[in-house]
């Protein structure tokens, strides 16, 4: 009877982890620097999201256009960013945490998306809530796939 592989062998690996080299020891300065760039990026992203929400307020019971666009645009930017940091800007150690986890993590707001759905449902706008629920997921995933695909094609085209 064949043996099953160890559980860790079946789990996905992080593209940032080099499995061929020995892990380097972590230092408190590295951790503090990483947390600082994520916090700074998160503050910038959250401020941008807040300003966008102020610029495009949503009337009670209406489709939350601002939150929808923030999440779709943010996901699209994440798709492009992940291609760039893995294929082009590979030597910038703090760029992915700053832009991806920080700025775009602070900018996108799936917690607000959830609250919007809850408020629409409680206010008797179940059809709008259901449309928003489904459309956001589909549009966000499409945005990530589209921008990642287009960014990769542009990179390949620029190299040839």
C-alpha atoms as a PDB file:
ATOM      1  CA  UNK A   1       0.000   0.000   0.000  1.00  0.00           C
ATOM      2  CA  UNK A   2       1.552   3.360  -1.028  1.00  0.00           C
ATOM      3  CA  UNK A   3       2.211   5.832   1.724  1.00  0.00           C
ATOM      4  CA  UNK A   4       0.425   9.151   1.686  1.00  0.00           C
ATOM      5  CA  UNK A   5       2.727  12.177   1.430  1.00  0.00           C
ATOM      6  CA  UNK A   6       3.307  14.220   4.544  1.00  0.00           C
ATOM      7  CA  UNK A   7       0.613  16.900   4.966  1.00  0.00           C
ATOM      8  CA  UNK A   8       3.088  19.750   4.341  1.00  0.00           C
ATOM      9  CA  UNK A   9       3.947  18.268   0.954  1.00  0.00           C
ATOM     10  CA  UNK A  10       0.346  18.740  -0.205  1.00  0.00           C
ATOM     11  CA  UNK A  11      -0.011  22.338   0.913  1.00  0.00           C
ATOM     12  CA  UNK A  12       0.658  25.197  -1.516  1.00  0.00           C
ATOM     13  CA  UNK A  13       3.984  26.924  -1.191  1.00  0.00           C
ATOM     14  CA  UNK A  14       4.535  30.640  -0.902  1.00  0.00           C
ATOM     15  CA  UNK A  15       6.290  32.072  -3.946  1.00  0.00           C
ATOM     16  CA  UNK A  16       8.401  34.214  -1.614  1.00  0.00           C
ATOM     17  CA  UNK A  17       9.962  31.161   0.044  1.00  0.00           C
ATOM     18  CA  UNK A  18      13.040  29.621  -1.547  1.00  0.00           C
ATOM     19  CA  UNK A  19      12.820  25.936  -0.659  1.00  0.00           C
ATOM     20  CA  UNK A  20      16.381  25.280  -1.880  1.00  0.00           C
ATOM     21  CA  UNK A  21      18.213  27.491   0.596  1.00  0.00           C
ATOM     22  CA  UNK A  22      18.441  27.329   4.348  1.00  0.00           C
ATOM     23  CA  UNK A  23      16.109  29.747   6.098  1.00  0.00           C
ATOM     24  CA  UNK A  24      17.869  32.887   7.193  1.00  0.00           C
ATOM     25  CA  UNK A  25      17.509  33.880  10.803  1.00  0.00           C
ATOM     26  CA  UNK A  26      14.977  36.628  11.434  1.00  0.00           C
ATOM     27  CA  UNK A  27      16.023  39.758  13.220  1.00  0.00           C
ATOM     28  CA  UNK A  28      13.910  42.153  15.243  1.00  0.00           C
ATOM     29  CA  UNK A  29      14.992  45.012  12.960  1.00  0.00           C
ATOM     30  CA  UNK A  30      13.717  43.125   9.903  1.00  0.00           C
ATOM     31  CA  UNK A  31      10.364  42.505  11.623  1.00  0.00           C
ATOM     32  CA  UNK A  32      10.068  46.127  12.751  1.00  0.00           C
ATOM     33  CA  UNK A  33      10.930  47.402   9.286  1.00  0.00           C
ATOM     34  CA  UNK A  34       8.400  45.073   7.693  1.00  0.00           C
ATOM     35  CA  UNK A  35       5.648  46.096  10.113  1.00  0.00           C
ATOM     36  CA  UNK A  36       6.473  49.771   9.578  1.00  0.00           C
ATOM     37  CA  UNK A  37       6.160  49.604   5.785  1.00  0.00           C
ATOM     38  CA  UNK A  38       2.918  47.608   6.025  1.00  0.00           C
ATOM     39  CA  UNK A  39       1.483  50.104   8.537  1.00  0.00           C
ATOM     40  CA  UNK A  40       2.488  53.088   6.396  1.00  0.00           C
ATOM     41  CA  UNK A  41       1.037  51.486   3.283  1.00  0.00           C
ATOM     42  CA  UNK A  42      -2.130  50.513   5.133  1.00  0.00           C
ATOM     43  CA  UNK A  43      -2.608  54.072   6.377  1.00  0.00           C
ATOM     44  CA  UNK A  44      -2.202  55.448   2.849  1.00  0.00           C
ATOM     45  CA  UNK A  45      -4.590  52.876   1.363  1.00  0.00           C
ATOM     46  CA  UNK A  46      -7.217  53.380   4.063  1.00  0.00           C
ATOM     47  CA  UNK A  47      -7.013  57.165   3.663  1.00  0.00           C
ATOM     48  CA  UNK A  48      -7.520  56.825  -0.099  1.00  0.00           C
ATOM     49  CA  UNK A  49     -10.510  54.544   0.478  1.00  0.00           C
ATOM     50  CA  UNK A  50     -12.003  56.957   2.991  1.00  0.00           C
ATOM     51  CA  UNK A  51     -11.643  59.883   0.584  1.00  0.00           C
ATOM     52  CA  UNK A  52     -13.207  57.870  -2.234  1.00  0.00           C
ATOM     53  CA  UNK A  53     -16.140  57.024   0.040  1.00  0.00           C
ATOM     54  CA  UNK A  54     -16.601  60.707   0.840  1.00  0.00           C
ATOM     55  CA  UNK A  55     -16.414  61.682  -2.830  1.00  0.00           C
ATOM     56  CA  UNK A  56     -19.029  59.090  -3.892  1.00  0.00           C
ATOM     57  CA  UNK A  57     -21.457  58.572  -0.997  1.00  0.00           C
ATOM     58  CA  UNK A  58     -24.103  55.862  -1.240  1.00  0.00           C
ATOM     59  CA  UNK A  59     -27.745  56.682  -0.590  1.00  0.00           C
ATOM     60  CA  UNK A  60     -29.595  54.385   1.785  1.00  0.00           C
ATOM     61  CA  UNK A  61     -30.847  51.296  -0.032  1.00  0.00           C
ATOM     62  CA  UNK A  62     -28.840  52.047  -3.188  1.00  0.00           C
ATOM     63  CA  UNK A  63     -26.172  49.871  -4.782  1.00  0.00           C
ATOM     64  CA  UNK A  64     -22.862  50.706  -2.996  1.00  0.00           C
ATOM     65  CA  UNK A  65     -21.014  51.942  -6.099  1.00  0.00           C
ATOM     66  CA  UNK A  66     -18.044  53.444  -4.256  1.00  0.00           C
ATOM     67  CA  UNK A  67     -17.260  50.289  -2.265  1.00  0.00           C
ATOM     68  CA  UNK A  68     -17.851  48.139  -5.345  1.00  0.00           C
ATOM     69  CA  UNK A  69     -15.427  50.204  -7.455  1.00  0.00           C
ATOM     70  CA  UNK A  70     -12.846  50.406  -4.663  1.00  0.00           C
ATOM     71  CA  UNK A  71     -12.794  46.619  -4.329  1.00  0.00           C
ATOM     72  CA  UNK A  72     -12.744  45.919  -8.066  1.00  0.00           C
ATOM     73  CA  UNK A  73     -10.043  48.506  -8.806  1.00  0.00           C
ATOM     74  CA  UNK A  74      -8.023  47.366  -5.776  1.00  0.00           C
ATOM     75  CA  UNK A  75      -8.216  43.730  -6.871  1.00  0.00           C
ATOM     76  CA  UNK A  76      -7.180  44.705 -10.385  1.00  0.00           C
ATOM     77  CA  UNK A  77      -4.172  46.557  -9.023  1.00  0.00           C
ATOM     78  CA  UNK A  78      -3.281  43.557  -6.859  1.00  0.00           C
ATOM     79  CA  UNK A  79      -3.314  41.331  -9.965  1.00  0.00           C
ATOM     80  CA  UNK A  80      -0.902  43.627 -11.808  1.00  0.00           C
ATOM     81  CA  UNK A  81       1.254  44.138  -8.724  1.00  0.00           C
ATOM     82  CA  UNK A  82       1.732  40.431  -8.064  1.00  0.00           C
ATOM     83  CA  UNK A  83       3.014  39.903 -11.604  1.00  0.00           C
ATOM     84  CA  UNK A  84       5.353  42.881 -11.335  1.00  0.00           C
ATOM     85  CA  UNK A  85       6.830  41.921  -7.957  1.00  0.00           C
ATOM     86  CA  UNK A  86       7.339  38.295  -8.960  1.00  0.00           C
ATOM     87  CA  UNK A  87       8.591  38.862 -12.513  1.00  0.00           C
ATOM     88  CA  UNK A  88      10.109  42.353 -12.679  1.00  0.00           C
ATOM     89  CA  UNK A  89      10.850  43.949  -9.292  1.00  0.00           C
ATOM     90  CA  UNK A  90      12.162  40.819  -7.582  1.00  0.00           C
ATOM     91  CA  UNK A  91      14.958  42.519  -5.615  1.00  0.00           C
ATOM     92  CA  UNK A  92      12.791  44.988  -3.715  1.00  0.00           C
ATOM     93  CA  UNK A  93      12.079  43.069  -0.507  1.00  0.00           C
ATOM     94  CA  UNK A  94       9.668  45.587   1.012  1.00  0.00           C
ATOM     95  CA  UNK A  95       7.748  46.532  -2.131  1.00  0.00           C
ATOM     96  CA  UNK A  96       5.211  43.687  -1.992  1.00  0.00           C
ATOM     97  CA  UNK A  97       4.406  44.143   1.720  1.00  0.00           C
ATOM     98  CA  UNK A  98       4.172  47.930   1.306  1.00  0.00           C
ATOM     99  CA  UNK A  99       2.012  47.999  -1.821  1.00  0.00           C
ATOM    100  CA  UNK A 100       0.188  44.663  -1.633  1.00  0.00           C
ATOM    101  CA  UNK A 101      -0.475  44.079   2.051  1.00  0.00           C
ATOM    102  CA  UNK A 102      -0.282  47.731   3.057  1.00  0.00           C
ATOM    103  CA  UNK A 103      -1.632  50.120   0.419  1.00  0.00           C
ATOM    104  CA  UNK A 104      -3.945  47.775  -1.470  1.00  0.00           C
ATOM    105  CA  UNK A 105      -4.903  45.814   1.641  1.00  0.00           C
ATOM    106  CA  UNK A 106      -5.870  49.101   3.293  1.00  0.00           C
ATOM    107  CA  UNK A 107      -7.601  50.375   0.164  1.00  0.00           C
ATOM    108  CA  UNK A 108      -9.810  47.367  -0.540  1.00  0.00           C
ATOM    109  CA  UNK A 109     -12.596  46.882   1.936  1.00  0.00           C
ATOM    110  CA  UNK A 110     -14.327  43.559   1.983  1.00  0.00           C
ATOM    111  CA  UNK A 111     -15.428  44.197   5.557  1.00  0.00           C
ATOM    112  CA  UNK A 112     -17.435  47.200   4.344  1.00  0.00           C
ATOM    113  CA  UNK A 113     -18.757  45.012   1.514  1.00  0.00           C
ATOM    114  CA  UNK A 114     -20.095  42.582   4.122  1.00  0.00           C
ATOM    115  CA  UNK A 115     -21.653  45.355   6.216  1.00  0.00           C
ATOM    116  CA  UNK A 116     -23.225  46.862   3.069  1.00  0.00           C
ATOM    117  CA  UNK A 117     -24.863  43.519   2.264  1.00  0.00           C
ATOM    118  CA  UNK A 118     -26.123  43.185   5.813  1.00  0.00           C
ATOM    119  CA  UNK A 119     -27.562  46.727   5.826  1.00  0.00           C
ATOM    120  CA  UNK A 120     -29.227  46.298   2.431  1.00  0.00           C
ATOM    121  CA  UNK A 121     -30.831  43.046   3.574  1.00  0.00           C
ATOM    122  CA  UNK A 122     -32.061  44.504   6.868  1.00  0.00           C
ATOM    123  CA  UNK A 123     -33.535  47.514   5.020  1.00  0.00           C
ATOM    124  CA  UNK A 124     -35.563  45.214   2.765  1.00  0.00           C
ATOM    125  CA  UNK A 125     -33.372  45.527  -0.350  1.00  0.00           C
ATOM    126  CA  UNK A 126     -32.582  41.838  -0.707  1.00  0.00           C
ATOM    127  CA  UNK A 127     -32.379  41.938  -4.510  1.00  0.00           C
ATOM    128  CA  UNK A 128     -29.808  44.765  -4.413  1.00  0.00           C
ATOM    129  CA  UNK A 129     -27.878  42.926  -1.689  1.00  0.00           C
ATOM    130  CA  UNK A 130     -27.815  39.707  -3.699  1.00  0.00           C
ATOM    131  CA  UNK A 131     -26.756  41.530  -6.875  1.00  0.00           C
ATOM    132  CA  UNK A 132     -24.000  43.314  -4.958  1.00  0.00           C
ATOM    133  CA  UNK A 133     -22.899  40.069  -3.298  1.00  0.00           C
ATOM    134  CA  UNK A 134     -22.514  38.178  -6.571  1.00  0.00           C
ATOM    135  CA  UNK A 135     -21.322  41.029  -8.778  1.00  0.00           C
ATOM    136  CA  UNK A 136     -18.518  42.041  -6.421  1.00  0.00           C
ATOM    137  CA  UNK A 137     -17.059  38.541  -6.247  1.00  0.00           C
ATOM    138  CA  UNK A 138     -17.249  38.009 -10.008  1.00  0.00           C
ATOM    139  CA  UNK A 139     -15.910  41.473 -10.869  1.00  0.00           C
ATOM    140  CA  UNK A 140     -13.078  41.300  -8.309  1.00  0.00           C
ATOM    141  CA  UNK A 141     -11.899  37.892  -9.523  1.00  0.00           C
ATOM    142  CA  UNK A 142     -12.185  38.987 -13.149  1.00  0.00           C
ATOM    143  CA  UNK A 143     -10.194  42.131 -12.359  1.00  0.00           C
ATOM    144  CA  UNK A 144      -7.356  40.133 -10.776  1.00  0.00           C
ATOM    145  CA  UNK A 145      -7.231  37.647 -13.648  1.00  0.00           C
ATOM    146  CA  UNK A 146      -7.467  40.300 -16.364  1.00  0.00           C
ATOM    147  CA  UNK A 147      -4.821  42.625 -14.985  1.00  0.00           C
ATOM    148  CA  UNK A 148      -2.430  39.787 -14.139  1.00  0.00           C
ATOM    149  CA  UNK A 149      -2.819  38.337 -17.637  1.00  0.00           C
ATOM    150  CA  UNK A 150      -2.435  41.703 -19.381  1.00  0.00           C
ATOM    151  CA  UNK A 151       0.534  42.716 -17.252  1.00  0.00           C
ATOM    152  CA  UNK A 152       2.306  39.438 -17.959  1.00  0.00           C
ATOM    153  CA  UNK A 153       1.644  39.831 -21.708  1.00  0.00           C
ATOM    154  CA  UNK A 154       2.984  43.397 -21.658  1.00  0.00           C
ATOM    155  CA  UNK A 155       6.131  42.254 -19.879  1.00  0.00           C
ATOM    156  CA  UNK A 156       6.700  39.451 -22.370  1.00  0.00           C
ATOM    157  CA  UNK A 157       6.049  41.790 -25.297  1.00  0.00           C
ATOM    158  CA  UNK A 158       8.513  44.372 -23.942  1.00  0.00           C
ATOM    159  CA  UNK A 159      11.206  41.688 -23.610  1.00  0.00           C
ATOM    160  CA  UNK A 160      10.893  40.519 -27.225  1.00  0.00           C
END
